[in-house]
């Protein structure tokens, strides 16, 4: 019994190493604007790319302005399954935070925040 257990452990570990990544949370790979970027226009395109497919209908982006006001951004239809896009308009100079919450197709919810600054002429 001990010998068959010892043979089964490597096989189990191999299966586990293949299955576990399929259940991982969505990880933000790239954003526009990037973290701590400076935006020099009152309108900017928002784009977030993740390491897995995202359910755009159950995900959301919230823009927090320099005065603490919150605005839910309307998501554009997804062109690719791993990316969310939106547009932020009428931005004023100051510090902004983009708060995101996404639902990966594996059912896990992931949240995060990106800070950026708007500097208008």
N, C-alpha and C. Protein backbone atom coordinates (compact mmCIF):
# COMPACT_ATOMS: atom_id res chain seq x y z
N UNK A 1 0.82 -1.19 0.00
CA UNK A 1 0.00 0.00 0.00
C UNK A 1 0.87 1.25 0.00
N UNK A 2 1.95 1.25 0.73
CA UNK A 2 2.82 2.42 0.79
C UNK A 2 3.46 2.68 -0.57
N UNK A 3 3.83 1.60 -1.29
CA UNK A 3 4.46 1.76 -2.58
C UNK A 3 3.49 2.37 -3.60
N UNK A 4 2.23 1.92 -3.61
CA UNK A 4 1.27 2.48 -4.56
C UNK A 4 0.92 3.92 -4.19
N UNK A 5 0.95 4.22 -2.90
CA UNK A 5 0.72 5.60 -2.48
C UNK A 5 1.87 6.49 -2.99
N UNK A 6 3.08 6.00 -2.85
CA UNK A 6 4.25 6.76 -3.28
C UNK A 6 4.23 6.98 -4.79
N UNK A 7 3.71 6.02 -5.55
CA UNK A 7 3.60 6.19 -7.01
C UNK A 7 2.47 7.15 -7.38
N UNK A 8 1.45 7.19 -6.57
CA UNK A 8 0.30 8.05 -6.87
C UNK A 8 0.54 9.51 -6.56
N UNK A 9 1.43 9.80 -5.62
CA UNK A 9 1.69 11.19 -5.23
C UNK A 9 2.22 12.02 -6.40
N UNK A 10 3.24 11.57 -7.14
CA UNK A 10 3.70 12.39 -8.27
C UNK A 10 2.60 12.63 -9.32
N UNK A 11 1.79 11.62 -9.58
CA UNK A 11 0.71 11.78 -10.55
C UNK A 11 -0.31 12.81 -10.05
N UNK A 12 -0.63 12.75 -8.76
CA UNK A 12 -1.56 13.70 -8.18
C UNK A 12 -1.00 15.12 -8.26
N UNK A 13 0.28 15.29 -7.93
CA UNK A 13 0.90 16.62 -7.99
C UNK A 13 0.92 17.16 -9.42
N UNK A 14 1.13 16.30 -10.39
CA UNK A 14 1.10 16.73 -11.79
C UNK A 14 -0.30 17.21 -12.17
N UNK A 15 -1.31 16.49 -11.80
CA UNK A 15 -2.69 16.88 -12.09
C UNK A 15 -3.01 18.20 -11.39
N UNK A 16 -2.60 18.33 -10.14
CA UNK A 16 -2.86 19.54 -9.37
C UNK A 16 -2.19 20.76 -10.02
N UNK A 17 -0.97 20.58 -10.53
CA UNK A 17 -0.27 21.71 -11.15
C UNK A 17 -0.95 22.17 -12.44
N UNK A 18 -1.69 21.30 -13.09
CA UNK A 18 -2.41 21.67 -14.31
C UNK A 18 -3.77 22.27 -13.96
N UNK A 19 -4.44 21.78 -12.94
CA UNK A 19 -5.78 22.21 -12.60
C UNK A 19 -5.79 23.53 -11.85
N UNK A 20 -4.89 23.76 -10.93
CA UNK A 20 -4.91 24.95 -10.08
C UNK A 20 -4.90 26.25 -10.87
N UNK A 21 -4.05 26.44 -11.91
CA UNK A 21 -4.08 27.71 -12.62
C UNK A 21 -5.43 28.01 -13.28
N UNK A 22 -6.20 27.00 -13.60
CA UNK A 22 -7.50 27.23 -14.21
C UNK A 22 -8.46 27.90 -13.24
N UNK A 23 -8.19 27.82 -11.94
CA UNK A 23 -9.07 28.40 -10.94
C UNK A 23 -8.48 29.66 -10.31
N UNK A 24 -7.44 30.21 -10.91
CA UNK A 24 -6.80 31.41 -10.37
C UNK A 24 -7.65 32.64 -10.65
N UNK A 25 -7.47 33.67 -9.83
CA UNK A 25 -8.18 34.93 -10.03
C UNK A 25 -7.62 35.66 -11.25
N UNK A 26 -8.44 36.54 -11.82
CA UNK A 26 -7.98 37.36 -12.94
C UNK A 26 -6.90 38.32 -12.43
N UNK A 27 -5.83 38.42 -13.16
CA UNK A 27 -4.72 39.30 -12.80
C UNK A 27 -4.62 40.38 -13.86
N UNK A 28 -4.56 41.63 -13.42
CA UNK A 28 -4.42 42.75 -14.34
C UNK A 28 -3.02 42.73 -14.94
N UNK A 29 -2.95 42.67 -16.27
CA UNK A 29 -1.66 42.63 -16.96
C UNK A 29 -1.23 44.01 -17.46
N UNK A 30 -2.22 44.80 -17.91
CA UNK A 30 -1.89 46.08 -18.53
C UNK A 30 -3.07 47.03 -18.37
N UNK A 31 -2.77 48.32 -18.21
CA UNK A 31 -3.84 49.31 -18.11
C UNK A 31 -3.47 50.58 -18.85
N UNK A 32 -4.50 51.23 -19.36
CA UNK A 32 -4.39 52.56 -19.95
C UNK A 32 -5.47 53.39 -19.31
N UNK A 33 -5.14 54.44 -18.58
CA UNK A 33 -3.78 54.87 -18.28
C UNK A 33 -3.09 53.89 -17.34
N UNK A 34 -1.77 53.90 -17.41
CA UNK A 34 -0.98 53.04 -16.53
C UNK A 34 -1.01 53.61 -15.11
N UNK A 35 -0.67 52.80 -14.15
CA UNK A 35 -0.60 53.26 -12.76
C UNK A 35 0.34 54.44 -12.65
N UNK A 36 -0.11 55.50 -11.97
CA UNK A 36 0.66 56.71 -11.72
C UNK A 36 0.98 57.52 -12.99
N UNK A 37 0.26 57.26 -14.07
CA UNK A 37 0.47 58.01 -15.31
C UNK A 37 -0.10 59.41 -15.17
N UNK A 38 0.33 60.29 -16.07
CA UNK A 38 -0.21 61.64 -16.15
C UNK A 38 -0.97 61.75 -17.47
N UNK A 39 -2.24 62.11 -17.37
CA UNK A 39 -3.11 62.29 -18.53
C UNK A 39 -3.24 63.78 -18.77
N UNK A 40 -3.09 64.21 -20.02
CA UNK A 40 -3.10 65.64 -20.32
C UNK A 40 -4.30 66.06 -21.17
N UNK A 41 -5.39 65.30 -21.10
CA UNK A 41 -6.60 65.61 -21.85
C UNK A 41 -7.81 65.42 -20.96
N UNK A 42 -8.89 66.15 -21.22
CA UNK A 42 -10.09 66.00 -20.40
C UNK A 42 -10.89 64.73 -20.70
N UNK A 43 -10.57 64.07 -21.81
CA UNK A 43 -11.20 62.79 -22.15
C UNK A 43 -10.09 61.77 -22.36
N UNK A 44 -10.25 60.60 -21.76
CA UNK A 44 -9.24 59.56 -21.93
C UNK A 44 -9.89 58.20 -22.09
N UNK A 45 -9.26 57.37 -22.86
CA UNK A 45 -9.71 55.99 -23.06
C UNK A 45 -9.17 55.15 -21.90
N UNK A 46 -10.03 54.35 -21.32
CA UNK A 46 -9.66 53.42 -20.26
C UNK A 46 -9.62 52.02 -20.86
N UNK A 47 -8.56 51.29 -20.59
CA UNK A 47 -8.44 49.91 -21.09
C UNK A 47 -7.72 49.07 -20.04
N UNK A 48 -8.33 47.95 -19.69
CA UNK A 48 -7.73 47.02 -18.72
C UNK A 48 -7.66 45.64 -19.37
N UNK A 49 -6.48 45.05 -19.38
CA UNK A 49 -6.28 43.72 -19.96
C UNK A 49 -5.86 42.76 -18.86
N UNK A 50 -6.52 41.61 -18.82
CA UNK A 50 -6.31 40.61 -17.77
C UNK A 50 -5.71 39.34 -18.35
N UNK A 51 -5.30 38.45 -17.47
CA UNK A 51 -4.69 37.19 -17.89
C UNK A 51 -5.72 36.11 -18.20
N UNK A 52 -7.00 36.43 -18.10
CA UNK A 52 -8.04 35.44 -18.37
C UNK A 52 -9.26 36.14 -18.95
N UNK A 53 -10.20 35.35 -19.40
CA UNK A 53 -11.44 35.90 -19.94
C UNK A 53 -12.24 36.56 -18.82
N UNK A 54 -12.86 37.69 -19.15
CA UNK A 54 -13.62 38.48 -18.19
C UNK A 54 -15.07 38.56 -18.66
N UNK A 55 -15.99 38.43 -17.72
CA UNK A 55 -17.42 38.61 -18.02
C UNK A 55 -17.72 40.11 -17.95
N UNK A 56 -17.74 40.76 -19.08
CA UNK A 56 -17.93 42.20 -19.14
C UNK A 56 -19.27 42.67 -18.62
N UNK A 57 -20.28 41.85 -18.72
CA UNK A 57 -21.61 42.25 -18.25
C UNK A 57 -21.70 42.26 -16.74
N UNK A 58 -20.83 41.55 -16.07
CA UNK A 58 -20.86 41.49 -14.61
C UNK A 58 -19.63 42.14 -13.97
N UNK A 59 -18.95 42.94 -14.75
CA UNK A 59 -17.77 43.65 -14.26
C UNK A 59 -18.09 45.14 -14.25
N UNK A 60 -17.29 45.91 -13.48
CA UNK A 60 -17.57 47.35 -13.46
C UNK A 60 -16.30 48.15 -13.20
N UNK A 61 -16.35 49.39 -13.69
CA UNK A 61 -15.29 50.36 -13.48
C UNK A 61 -15.90 51.58 -12.83
N UNK A 62 -15.26 52.07 -11.78
CA UNK A 62 -15.73 53.27 -11.09
C UNK A 62 -14.58 54.25 -11.03
N UNK A 63 -14.83 55.48 -11.47
CA UNK A 63 -13.82 56.52 -11.45
C UNK A 63 -14.07 57.42 -10.23
N UNK A 64 -13.05 57.57 -9.40
CA UNK A 64 -13.14 58.40 -8.21
C UNK A 64 -12.33 59.66 -8.48
N UNK A 65 -13.00 60.79 -8.45
CA UNK A 65 -12.39 62.06 -8.80
C UNK A 65 -11.61 62.69 -7.67
N UNK A 66 -10.94 63.81 -7.97
CA UNK A 66 -10.13 64.51 -6.96
C UNK A 66 -10.94 64.95 -5.74
N UNK A 67 -12.24 65.20 -5.94
CA UNK A 67 -13.10 65.63 -4.84
C UNK A 67 -13.78 64.47 -4.12
N UNK A 68 -13.44 63.24 -4.52
CA UNK A 68 -14.03 62.06 -3.89
C UNK A 68 -15.31 61.58 -4.54
N UNK A 69 -15.80 62.31 -5.54
CA UNK A 69 -17.02 61.89 -6.23
C UNK A 69 -16.75 60.61 -7.02
N UNK A 70 -17.78 59.77 -7.12
CA UNK A 70 -17.65 58.50 -7.83
C UNK A 70 -18.57 58.47 -9.04
N UNK A 71 -18.02 57.95 -10.14
CA UNK A 71 -18.77 57.84 -11.38
C UNK A 71 -18.57 56.43 -11.94
N UNK A 72 -19.68 55.71 -12.15
CA UNK A 72 -19.59 54.40 -12.78
C UNK A 72 -19.43 54.62 -14.28
N UNK A 73 -18.39 54.05 -14.85
CA UNK A 73 -18.13 54.21 -16.27
C UNK A 73 -18.86 53.15 -17.07
N UNK A 74 -19.46 53.55 -18.18
CA UNK A 74 -20.14 52.61 -19.07
C UNK A 74 -19.09 51.82 -19.84
N UNK A 75 -19.16 50.51 -19.76
CA UNK A 75 -18.21 49.66 -20.46
C UNK A 75 -18.61 49.54 -21.93
N UNK A 76 -17.62 49.64 -22.80
CA UNK A 76 -17.86 49.43 -24.23
C UNK A 76 -18.03 47.93 -24.46
N UNK A 77 -18.70 47.53 -25.55
CA UNK A 77 -18.78 46.10 -25.87
C UNK A 77 -17.36 45.52 -25.99
N UNK A 78 -17.19 44.32 -25.48
CA UNK A 78 -15.86 43.69 -25.48
C UNK A 78 -15.47 43.24 -26.88
N UNK A 79 -14.29 43.71 -27.33
CA UNK A 79 -13.73 43.23 -28.60
C UNK A 79 -12.92 41.96 -28.39
N UNK A 80 -12.30 41.86 -27.22
CA UNK A 80 -11.57 40.66 -26.84
C UNK A 80 -12.02 40.25 -25.45
N UNK A 81 -12.03 38.97 -25.19
CA UNK A 81 -12.61 38.44 -23.95
C UNK A 81 -11.81 38.77 -22.71
N UNK A 82 -10.56 39.22 -22.86
CA UNK A 82 -9.73 39.51 -21.69
C UNK A 82 -9.57 40.99 -21.39
N UNK A 83 -10.30 41.86 -22.12
CA UNK A 83 -10.10 43.30 -22.01
C UNK A 83 -11.41 44.05 -21.79
N UNK A 84 -11.37 45.02 -20.89
CA UNK A 84 -12.49 45.93 -20.67
C UNK A 84 -12.06 47.32 -21.11
N UNK A 85 -12.97 48.05 -21.78
CA UNK A 85 -12.67 49.41 -22.19
C UNK A 85 -13.84 50.32 -21.85
N UNK A 86 -13.51 51.58 -21.64
CA UNK A 86 -14.51 52.61 -21.34
C UNK A 86 -13.87 53.95 -21.71
N UNK A 87 -14.66 55.00 -21.56
CA UNK A 87 -14.16 56.34 -21.80
C UNK A 87 -14.51 57.21 -20.61
N UNK A 88 -13.54 58.01 -20.17
CA UNK A 88 -13.77 58.96 -19.07
C UNK A 88 -13.75 60.35 -19.68
N UNK A 89 -14.81 61.11 -19.44
CA UNK A 89 -14.96 62.43 -20.05
C UNK A 89 -15.03 63.53 -18.99
N UNK A 90 -14.80 64.74 -19.44
CA UNK A 90 -14.91 65.94 -18.59
C UNK A 90 -14.02 65.87 -17.36
N UNK A 91 -12.83 65.32 -17.53
CA UNK A 91 -11.90 65.23 -16.42
C UNK A 91 -11.30 66.60 -16.12
N UNK A 92 -11.10 66.88 -14.87
CA UNK A 92 -10.46 68.11 -14.40
C UNK A 92 -9.07 67.74 -13.88
N UNK A 93 -8.23 68.73 -13.72
CA UNK A 93 -6.89 68.48 -13.17
C UNK A 93 -7.01 67.93 -11.75
N UNK A 94 -6.16 66.96 -11.43
CA UNK A 94 -6.16 66.38 -10.09
C UNK A 94 -5.87 64.90 -10.10
N UNK A 95 -5.90 64.32 -8.92
CA UNK A 95 -5.63 62.89 -8.72
C UNK A 95 -6.93 62.08 -8.87
N UNK A 96 -6.85 61.00 -9.64
CA UNK A 96 -7.99 60.12 -9.87
C UNK A 96 -7.62 58.69 -9.48
N UNK A 97 -8.64 57.93 -9.13
CA UNK A 97 -8.48 56.50 -8.88
C UNK A 97 -9.51 55.77 -9.72
N UNK A 98 -9.05 54.77 -10.44
CA UNK A 98 -9.94 53.91 -11.21
C UNK A 98 -10.09 52.61 -10.44
N UNK A 99 -11.25 52.40 -9.89
CA UNK A 99 -11.53 51.18 -9.11
C UNK A 99 -12.20 50.18 -10.06
N UNK A 100 -11.65 48.98 -10.13
CA UNK A 100 -12.22 47.96 -11.01
C UNK A 100 -12.62 46.73 -10.21
N UNK A 101 -13.66 46.10 -10.71
CA UNK A 101 -14.12 44.82 -10.18
C UNK A 101 -14.51 43.97 -11.37
N UNK A 102 -13.88 42.82 -11.51
CA UNK A 102 -14.14 41.96 -12.65
C UNK A 102 -14.55 40.57 -12.19
N UNK A 103 -15.37 39.95 -13.02
CA UNK A 103 -15.75 38.56 -12.81
C UNK A 103 -15.09 37.75 -13.90
N UNK A 104 -14.15 36.90 -13.52
CA UNK A 104 -13.51 36.01 -14.49
C UNK A 104 -14.49 34.90 -14.83
N UNK A 105 -14.33 34.31 -15.98
CA UNK A 105 -15.28 33.27 -16.40
C UNK A 105 -15.22 32.04 -15.51
N UNK A 106 -14.17 31.91 -14.69
CA UNK A 106 -14.12 30.78 -13.75
C UNK A 106 -14.94 31.04 -12.49
N UNK A 107 -15.57 32.26 -12.41
CA UNK A 107 -16.44 32.56 -11.30
C UNK A 107 -15.82 33.38 -10.18
N UNK A 108 -14.54 33.66 -10.26
CA UNK A 108 -13.87 34.44 -9.21
C UNK A 108 -13.99 35.94 -9.48
N UNK A 109 -14.27 36.70 -8.44
CA UNK A 109 -14.31 38.16 -8.52
C UNK A 109 -12.96 38.70 -8.04
N UNK A 110 -12.41 39.64 -8.80
CA UNK A 110 -11.16 40.28 -8.43
C UNK A 110 -11.38 41.78 -8.45
N UNK A 111 -10.76 42.47 -7.50
CA UNK A 111 -10.90 43.93 -7.40
C UNK A 111 -9.51 44.56 -7.35
N UNK A 112 -9.46 45.81 -7.78
CA UNK A 112 -8.21 46.54 -7.70
C UNK A 112 -8.44 48.00 -7.97
N UNK A 113 -7.35 48.75 -7.93
CA UNK A 113 -7.44 50.19 -8.11
C UNK A 113 -6.17 50.68 -8.80
N UNK A 114 -6.35 51.66 -9.70
CA UNK A 114 -5.24 52.27 -10.41
C UNK A 114 -5.33 53.77 -10.17
N UNK A 115 -4.25 54.36 -9.72
CA UNK A 115 -4.21 55.81 -9.52
C UNK A 115 -3.53 56.46 -10.72
N UNK A 116 -4.06 57.62 -11.13
CA UNK A 116 -3.42 58.40 -12.18
C UNK A 116 -3.75 59.87 -11.94
N UNK A 117 -3.05 60.73 -12.62
CA UNK A 117 -3.22 62.16 -12.43
C UNK A 117 -3.60 62.81 -13.75
N UNK A 118 -4.49 63.77 -13.69
CA UNK A 118 -4.85 64.57 -14.86
C UNK A 118 -4.21 65.93 -14.68
N UNK A 119 -3.48 66.35 -15.70
CA UNK A 119 -2.83 67.67 -15.69
C UNK A 119 -3.19 68.37 -16.99
N UNK A 120 -4.13 69.29 -16.89
CA UNK A 120 -4.58 70.02 -18.07
C UNK A 120 -3.82 71.33 -18.21
N UNK A 121 -3.60 71.76 -19.45
CA UNK A 121 -2.88 73.03 -19.66
C UNK A 121 -3.64 74.22 -19.13
